[in-house]
Amino acid sequence: MWASATRPRVDGQLFHGSTPLHGMFRSGSFVAEHVTPVTDEQVQPNGVDLTLEAVYDQRDPGRIGIDGKEIGDRQHRMGNPVVEDEHDVEAIEDLEKPGGGNDVYYLPPDAYVVQYAEIVTIPEDHVGFLYPRSSLLRNSCMLNTAVWDAGYSGKGEGLLQVGHDIEIEAGARIAQLVLARAEHEGTYDGDYQNERL
């Protein structure tokens, strides 16, 4: 289907429908303008790496019906605090402050809901796609995500499937967000708009 919809123009430029294939996906620096906070290390040539903020276990069943949905209750999975020197009293006191210290999540094989640390805003005339970093795949893990519609803003979530035990530190880069130009009518106005803002 893609090949039949792709056709060359007189100038040699390929198009899919009315969208030029060259420049369809935006640069990492463009994506970085729509992610906060972001460090230089997170900006890649074709996107921005998102980091892990929290891991959740789903405790109760959810429901998806023709008349709506219900998300099952979740429990925040507690990580182990990271302290380089167990005799460093100041570092230990910092851990007791809200947001102090990074947690390391030890995850046995299972499915987990992960929350990203960054606020993402998908600009109009664009669509966002989130892909797992290859380090996850090389460690027998898969990150499942959905399309991020134009106009969405918030801290998103994904489904982390763990095939073999792994430790992941809060703040570690686990996914890469890319943006593509897209034609659409309207913008996102769903239940998850402005989540965790």
C-alpha atoms as a PDB file:
ATOM      1  CA  MET A   1       0.000   0.000   0.000  1.00  0.00           C
ATOM      2  CA  TRP A   2       2.803   2.417   0.881  1.00  0.00           C
ATOM      3  CA  ALA A   3       4.579   1.864  -2.432  1.00  0.00           C
ATOM      4  CA  SER A   4       1.451   2.589  -4.459  1.00  0.00           C
ATOM      5  CA  ALA A   5       0.807   5.805  -2.508  1.00  0.00           C
ATOM      6  CA  THR A   6       4.405   6.961  -2.934  1.00  0.00           C
ATOM      7  CA  ARG A   7       5.083   8.713  -6.199  1.00  0.00           C
ATOM      8  CA  PRO A   8       7.982  10.828  -7.524  1.00  0.00           C
ATOM      9  CA  ARG A   9       7.513  14.453  -8.488  1.00  0.00           C
ATOM     10  CA  VAL A  10       9.125  16.202 -11.436  1.00  0.00           C
ATOM     11  CA  ASP A  11      11.932  17.532  -9.255  1.00  0.00           C
ATOM     12  CA  GLY A  12      12.687  13.988  -8.050  1.00  0.00           C
ATOM     13  CA  GLN A  13      11.163  14.535  -4.600  1.00  0.00           C
ATOM     14  CA  LEU A  14       9.112  11.592  -3.280  1.00  0.00           C
ATOM     15  CA  PHE A  15       5.693  12.236  -1.784  1.00  0.00           C
ATOM     16  CA  HIS A  16       3.264  10.126   0.235  1.00  0.00           C
ATOM     17  CA  GLY A  17      -0.109  11.675  -0.525  1.00  0.00           C
ATOM     18  CA  SER A  18       0.579  15.393  -0.302  1.00  0.00           C
ATOM     19  CA  THR A  19       3.372  14.994   2.285  1.00  0.00           C
ATOM     20  CA  PRO A  20       6.970  15.120   1.047  1.00  0.00           C
ATOM     21  CA  LEU A  21       8.961  12.172   2.390  1.00  0.00           C
ATOM     22  CA  HIS A  22      12.041  14.352   2.753  1.00  0.00           C
ATOM     23  CA  GLY A  23      11.496  16.271   5.957  1.00  0.00           C
ATOM     24  CA  MET A  24       8.487  14.234   7.075  1.00  0.00           C
ATOM     25  CA  PHE A  25      10.262  13.391  10.343  1.00  0.00           C
ATOM     26  CA  ARG A  26      11.617  16.327  12.307  1.00  0.00           C
ATOM     27  CA  SER A  27      15.121  16.788  13.684  1.00  0.00           C
ATOM     28  CA  GLY A  28      16.027  16.059  17.276  1.00  0.00           C
ATOM     29  CA  SER A  29      16.563  19.763  17.909  1.00  0.00           C
ATOM     30  CA  PHE A  30      12.988  20.474  16.743  1.00  0.00           C
ATOM     31  CA  VAL A  31      11.621  17.714  19.009  1.00  0.00           C
ATOM     32  CA  ALA A  32      13.626  19.140  21.942  1.00  0.00           C
ATOM     33  CA  GLU A  33      11.670  22.400  21.646  1.00  0.00           C
ATOM     34  CA  HIS A  34       8.561  20.428  22.675  1.00  0.00           C
ATOM     35  CA  VAL A  35      10.019  18.459  25.603  1.00  0.00           C
ATOM     36  CA  THR A  36      10.846  19.814  29.056  1.00  0.00           C
ATOM     37  CA  PRO A  37      13.119  19.452  30.877  1.00  0.00           C
ATOM     38  CA  VAL A  38      15.656  18.197  28.362  1.00  0.00           C
ATOM     39  CA  THR A  39      19.446  17.921  28.470  1.00  0.00           C
ATOM     40  CA  ASP A  40      21.882  18.003  25.560  1.00  0.00           C
ATOM     41  CA  GLU A  41      22.561  14.299  26.182  1.00  0.00           C
ATOM     42  CA  GLN A  42      18.898  13.470  25.495  1.00  0.00           C
ATOM     43  CA  VAL A  43      18.812  15.196  22.099  1.00  0.00           C
ATOM     44  CA  GLN A  44      19.515  12.703  19.303  1.00  0.00           C
ATOM     45  CA  PRO A  45      19.760  13.371  15.546  1.00  0.00           C
ATOM     46  CA  ASN A  46      16.145  12.290  14.955  1.00  0.00           C
ATOM     47  CA  GLY A  47      14.423  12.669  18.312  1.00  0.00           C
ATOM     48  CA  VAL A  48      14.685  13.120  22.068  1.00  0.00           C
ATOM     49  CA  ASP A  49      15.240  10.424  24.670  1.00  0.00           C
ATOM     50  CA  LEU A  50      12.649  10.265  27.442  1.00  0.00           C
ATOM     51  CA  THR A  51      13.663   9.124  30.906  1.00  0.00           C
ATOM     52  CA  LEU A  52      12.043   6.948  33.539  1.00  0.00           C
ATOM     53  CA  GLU A  53      10.287   8.724  36.393  1.00  0.00           C
ATOM     54  CA  ALA A  54       8.263   5.936  38.009  1.00  0.00           C
ATOM     55  CA  VAL A  55       7.191   2.303  37.664  1.00  0.00           C
ATOM     56  CA  TYR A  56       3.709   1.028  38.545  1.00  0.00           C
ATOM     57  CA  ASP A  57       2.164  -2.403  39.074  1.00  0.00           C
ATOM     58  CA  GLN A  58      -1.433  -2.696  37.914  1.00  0.00           C
ATOM     59  CA  ARG A  59      -3.423  -4.138  40.839  1.00  0.00           C
ATOM     60  CA  ASP A  60      -7.025  -4.217  39.631  1.00  0.00           C
ATOM     61  CA  PRO A  61      -8.630  -5.037  36.300  1.00  0.00           C
ATOM     62  CA  GLY A  62      -9.493  -2.257  33.906  1.00  0.00           C
ATOM     63  CA  ARG A  63     -12.316  -2.120  31.397  1.00  0.00           C
ATOM     64  CA  ILE A  64     -12.582  -0.912  27.817  1.00  0.00           C
ATOM     65  CA  GLY A  65     -16.107  -0.776  26.433  1.00  0.00           C
ATOM     66  CA  ILE A  66     -17.968   0.926  23.617  1.00  0.00           C
ATOM     67  CA  ASP A  67     -19.237   3.539  26.058  1.00  0.00           C
ATOM     68  CA  GLY A  68     -15.977   4.345  27.825  1.00  0.00           C
ATOM     69  CA  LYS A  69     -13.010   3.003  29.704  1.00  0.00           C
ATOM     70  CA  GLU A  70     -11.772   2.471  33.224  1.00  0.00           C
ATOM     71  CA  ILE A  71      -8.119   2.207  34.172  1.00  0.00           C
ATOM     72  CA  GLY A  72      -7.433  -0.386  36.873  1.00  0.00           C
ATOM     73  CA  ASP A  73      -5.888   0.794  40.134  1.00  0.00           C
ATOM     74  CA  ARG A  74      -2.121   0.869  40.230  1.00  0.00           C
ATOM     75  CA  GLN A  75       0.501   0.816  42.916  1.00  0.00           C
ATOM     76  CA  HIS A  76       3.754   2.744  42.680  1.00  0.00           C
ATOM     77  CA  ARG A  77       6.575   0.234  42.702  1.00  0.00           C
ATOM     78  CA  MET A  78       9.203   1.294  45.190  1.00  0.00           C
ATOM     79  CA  GLY A  79      12.793   1.362  44.025  1.00  0.00           C
ATOM     80  CA  ASN A  80      15.911   1.036  46.094  1.00  0.00           C
ATOM     81  CA  PRO A  81      17.590   4.382  46.875  1.00  0.00           C
ATOM     82  CA  VAL A  82      20.998   4.986  45.321  1.00  0.00           C
ATOM     83  CA  VAL A  83      23.698   5.964  47.827  1.00  0.00           C
ATOM     84  CA  GLU A  84      27.304   5.707  46.659  1.00  0.00           C
ATOM     85  CA  ASP A  85      28.738   5.795  50.197  1.00  0.00           C
ATOM     86  CA  GLU A  86      26.634   4.308  52.988  1.00  0.00           C
ATOM     87  CA  HIS A  87      28.535   6.484  55.512  1.00  0.00           C
ATOM     88  CA  ASP A  88      27.722   9.748  53.684  1.00  0.00           C
ATOM     89  CA  VAL A  89      25.211  11.219  56.155  1.00  0.00           C
ATOM     90  CA  GLU A  90      24.446  14.229  53.934  1.00  0.00           C
ATOM     91  CA  ALA A  91      23.594  11.995  50.943  1.00  0.00           C
ATOM     92  CA  ILE A  92      21.349   9.821  53.106  1.00  0.00           C
ATOM     93  CA  GLU A  93      19.538  12.912  54.453  1.00  0.00           C
ATOM     94  CA  ASP A  94      19.025  14.113  50.857  1.00  0.00           C
ATOM     95  CA  LEU A  95      17.280  10.821  50.075  1.00  0.00           C
ATOM     96  CA  GLU A  96      14.696  11.590  52.732  1.00  0.00           C
ATOM     97  CA  LYS A  97      13.731  14.864  51.013  1.00  0.00           C
ATOM     98  CA  PRO A  98      10.979  14.762  48.375  1.00  0.00           C
ATOM     99  CA  GLY A  99      12.550  13.844  45.052  1.00  0.00           C
ATOM    100  CA  GLY A 100      15.890  13.206  46.708  1.00  0.00           C
ATOM    101  CA  GLY A 101      18.124  10.547  45.186  1.00  0.00           C
ATOM    102  CA  ASN A 102      17.335   8.303  42.261  1.00  0.00           C
ATOM    103  CA  ASP A 103      15.688   4.950  42.754  1.00  0.00           C
ATOM    104  CA  VAL A 104      16.816   1.732  41.138  1.00  0.00           C
ATOM    105  CA  TYR A 105      13.911  -0.491  40.152  1.00  0.00           C
ATOM    106  CA  TYR A 106      14.622  -4.217  40.197  1.00  0.00           C
ATOM    107  CA  LEU A 107      12.070  -5.704  37.795  1.00  0.00           C
ATOM    108  CA  PRO A 108      11.511  -9.447  37.448  1.00  0.00           C
ATOM    109  CA  PRO A 109       9.742 -10.713  34.297  1.00  0.00           C
ATOM    110  CA  ASP A 110       6.255  -9.168  34.141  1.00  0.00           C
ATOM    111  CA  ALA A 111       4.415  -6.205  32.622  1.00  0.00           C
ATOM    112  CA  TYR A 112       4.733  -2.750  34.203  1.00  0.00           C
ATOM    113  CA  VAL A 113       3.338   0.711  33.531  1.00  0.00           C
ATOM    114  CA  VAL A 114       6.156   3.248  33.289  1.00  0.00           C
ATOM    115  CA  GLN A 115       5.823   7.004  33.552  1.00  0.00           C
ATOM    116  CA  TYR A 116       8.184   9.323  31.722  1.00  0.00           C
ATOM    117  CA  ALA A 117       9.778  12.250  33.567  1.00  0.00           C
ATOM    118  CA  GLU A 118       9.466  14.827  30.803  1.00  0.00           C
ATOM    119  CA  ILE A 119       6.494  16.970  29.837  1.00  0.00           C
ATOM    120  CA  VAL A 120       5.797  16.453  26.145  1.00  0.00           C
ATOM    121  CA  THR A 121       3.720  18.805  23.997  1.00  0.00           C
ATOM    122  CA  ILE A 122       2.897  17.574  20.506  1.00  0.00           C
ATOM    123  CA  PRO A 123       2.659  20.605  18.188  1.00  0.00           C
ATOM    124  CA  GLU A 124      -0.160  21.136  15.712  1.00  0.00           C
ATOM    125  CA  ASP A 125       0.388  19.567  12.297  1.00  0.00           C
ATOM    126  CA  HIS A 126       2.489  16.813  13.911  1.00  0.00           C
ATOM    127  CA  VAL A 127       2.131  13.341  15.382  1.00  0.00           C
ATOM    128  CA  GLY A 128       4.440  11.759  17.947  1.00  0.00           C
ATOM    129  CA  PHE A 129       5.829   8.241  17.949  1.00  0.00           C
ATOM    130  CA  LEU A 130       7.735   6.758  20.874  1.00  0.00           C
ATOM    131  CA  TYR A 131      10.184   3.912  20.368  1.00  0.00           C
ATOM    132  CA  PRO A 132      12.130   1.848  22.916  1.00  0.00           C
ATOM    133  CA  ARG A 133      15.846   2.491  23.180  1.00  0.00           C
ATOM    134  CA  SER A 134      17.837  -0.434  21.861  1.00  0.00           C
ATOM    135  CA  SER A 135      19.369  -0.988  25.322  1.00  0.00           C
ATOM    136  CA  LEU A 136      15.957  -2.198  26.508  1.00  0.00           C
ATOM    137  CA  LEU A 137      15.623  -4.605  23.590  1.00  0.00           C
ATOM    138  CA  ARG A 138      19.142  -5.941  24.137  1.00  0.00           C
ATOM    139  CA  ASN A 139      18.129  -6.685  27.734  1.00  0.00           C
ATOM    140  CA  SER A 140      15.015  -8.702  26.762  1.00  0.00           C
ATOM    141  CA  CYS A 141      12.612  -5.822  27.415  1.00  0.00           C
ATOM    142  CA  MET A 142      10.021  -4.177  25.178  1.00  0.00           C
ATOM    143  CA  LEU A 143       8.323  -0.808  25.566  1.00  0.00           C
ATOM    144  CA  ASN A 144       4.854  -0.613  24.025  1.00  0.00           C
ATOM    145  CA  THR A 145       3.413   2.800  23.279  1.00  0.00           C
ATOM    146  CA  ALA A 146       0.557   4.462  21.422  1.00  0.00           C
ATOM    147  CA  VAL A 147       0.363   7.345  18.948  1.00  0.00           C
ATOM    148  CA  TRP A 148       0.731  10.797  20.521  1.00  0.00           C
ATOM    149  CA  ASP A 149      -1.816  13.060  18.816  1.00  0.00           C
ATOM    150  CA  ALA A 150      -1.335  16.702  17.862  1.00  0.00           C
ATOM    151  CA  GLY A 151      -2.189  18.951  20.802  1.00  0.00           C
ATOM    152  CA  TYR A 152      -1.425  16.386  23.536  1.00  0.00           C
ATOM    153  CA  SER A 153       0.458  17.757  26.521  1.00  0.00           C
ATOM    154  CA  GLY A 154       1.529  15.884  29.633  1.00  0.00           C
ATOM    155  CA  LYS A 155       3.798  13.240  31.125  1.00  0.00           C
ATOM    156  CA  GLY A 156       2.961  10.090  29.226  1.00  0.00           C
ATOM    157  CA  GLU A 157       3.061   6.418  30.097  1.00  0.00           C
ATOM    158  CA  GLY A 158       4.072   3.215  28.374  1.00  0.00           C
ATOM    159  CA  LEU A 159       3.855  -0.522  28.944  1.00  0.00           C
ATOM    160  CA  LEU A 160       7.203  -2.110  29.798  1.00  0.00           C
ATOM    161  CA  GLN A 161       7.328  -5.855  29.175  1.00  0.00           C
ATOM    162  CA  VAL A 162      10.264  -7.465  30.962  1.00  0.00           C
ATOM    163  CA  GLY A 163      11.423 -10.831  29.618  1.00  0.00           C
ATOM    164  CA  HIS A 164      14.396 -11.238  31.957  1.00  0.00           C
ATOM    165  CA  ASP A 165      15.305  -9.610  35.278  1.00  0.00           C
ATOM    166  CA  ILE A 166      16.596  -6.063  34.884  1.00  0.00           C
ATOM    167  CA  GLU A 167      17.522  -3.070  37.023  1.00  0.00           C
ATOM    168  CA  ILE A 168      16.528   0.358  35.709  1.00  0.00           C
ATOM    169  CA  GLU A 169      17.448   3.560  37.504  1.00  0.00           C
ATOM    170  CA  ALA A 170      15.012   6.460  37.684  1.00  0.00           C
ATOM    171  CA  GLY A 171      16.302   9.079  35.269  1.00  0.00           C
ATOM    172  CA  ALA A 172      17.666   6.476  32.833  1.00  0.00           C
ATOM    173  CA  ARG A 173      16.843   7.024  29.164  1.00  0.00           C
ATOM    174  CA  ILE A 174      14.373   4.332  28.068  1.00  0.00           C
ATOM    175  CA  ALA A 175      12.574   5.677  24.978  1.00  0.00           C
ATOM    176  CA  GLN A 176      13.013   8.040  22.036  1.00  0.00           C
ATOM    177  CA  LEU A 177      10.290  10.443  20.925  1.00  0.00           C
ATOM    178  CA  VAL A 178      10.148  11.370  17.248  1.00  0.00           C
ATOM    179  CA  LEU A 179       7.793  13.844  15.592  1.00  0.00           C
ATOM    180  CA  ALA A 180       6.441  13.669  12.062  1.00  0.00           C
ATOM    181  CA  ARG A 181       4.462  16.198  10.100  1.00  0.00           C
ATOM    182  CA  ALA A 182       0.825  15.142   9.800  1.00  0.00           C
ATOM    183  CA  GLU A 183      -2.378  16.403   8.275  1.00  0.00           C
ATOM    184  CA  HIS A 184      -5.306  16.346  10.688  1.00  0.00           C
ATOM    185  CA  GLU A 185      -8.511  18.010  11.736  1.00  0.00           C
ATOM    186  CA  GLY A 186      -8.669  19.164  15.341  1.00  0.00           C
ATOM    187  CA  THR A 187      -6.246  18.404  18.160  1.00  0.00           C
ATOM    188  CA  TYR A 188      -6.146  16.022  21.098  1.00  0.00           C
ATOM    189  CA  ASP A 189      -8.825  16.669  23.725  1.00  0.00           C
ATOM    190  CA  GLY A 190      -9.001  13.281  25.445  1.00  0.00           C
ATOM    191  CA  ASP A 191      -8.951  12.017  29.015  1.00  0.00           C
ATOM    192  CA  TYR A 192      -5.168  12.137  29.298  1.00  0.00           C
ATOM    193  CA  GLN A 193      -4.736  15.783  28.287  1.00  0.00           C
ATOM    194  CA  ASN A 194      -2.474  17.596  30.781  1.00  0.00           C
ATOM    195  CA  GLU A 195      -1.840  14.394  32.735  1.00  0.00           C
ATOM    196  CA  ARG A 196       0.515  14.857  35.672  1.00  0.00           C
ATOM    197  CA  LEU A 197       1.069  18.559  35.016  1.00  0.00           C
END
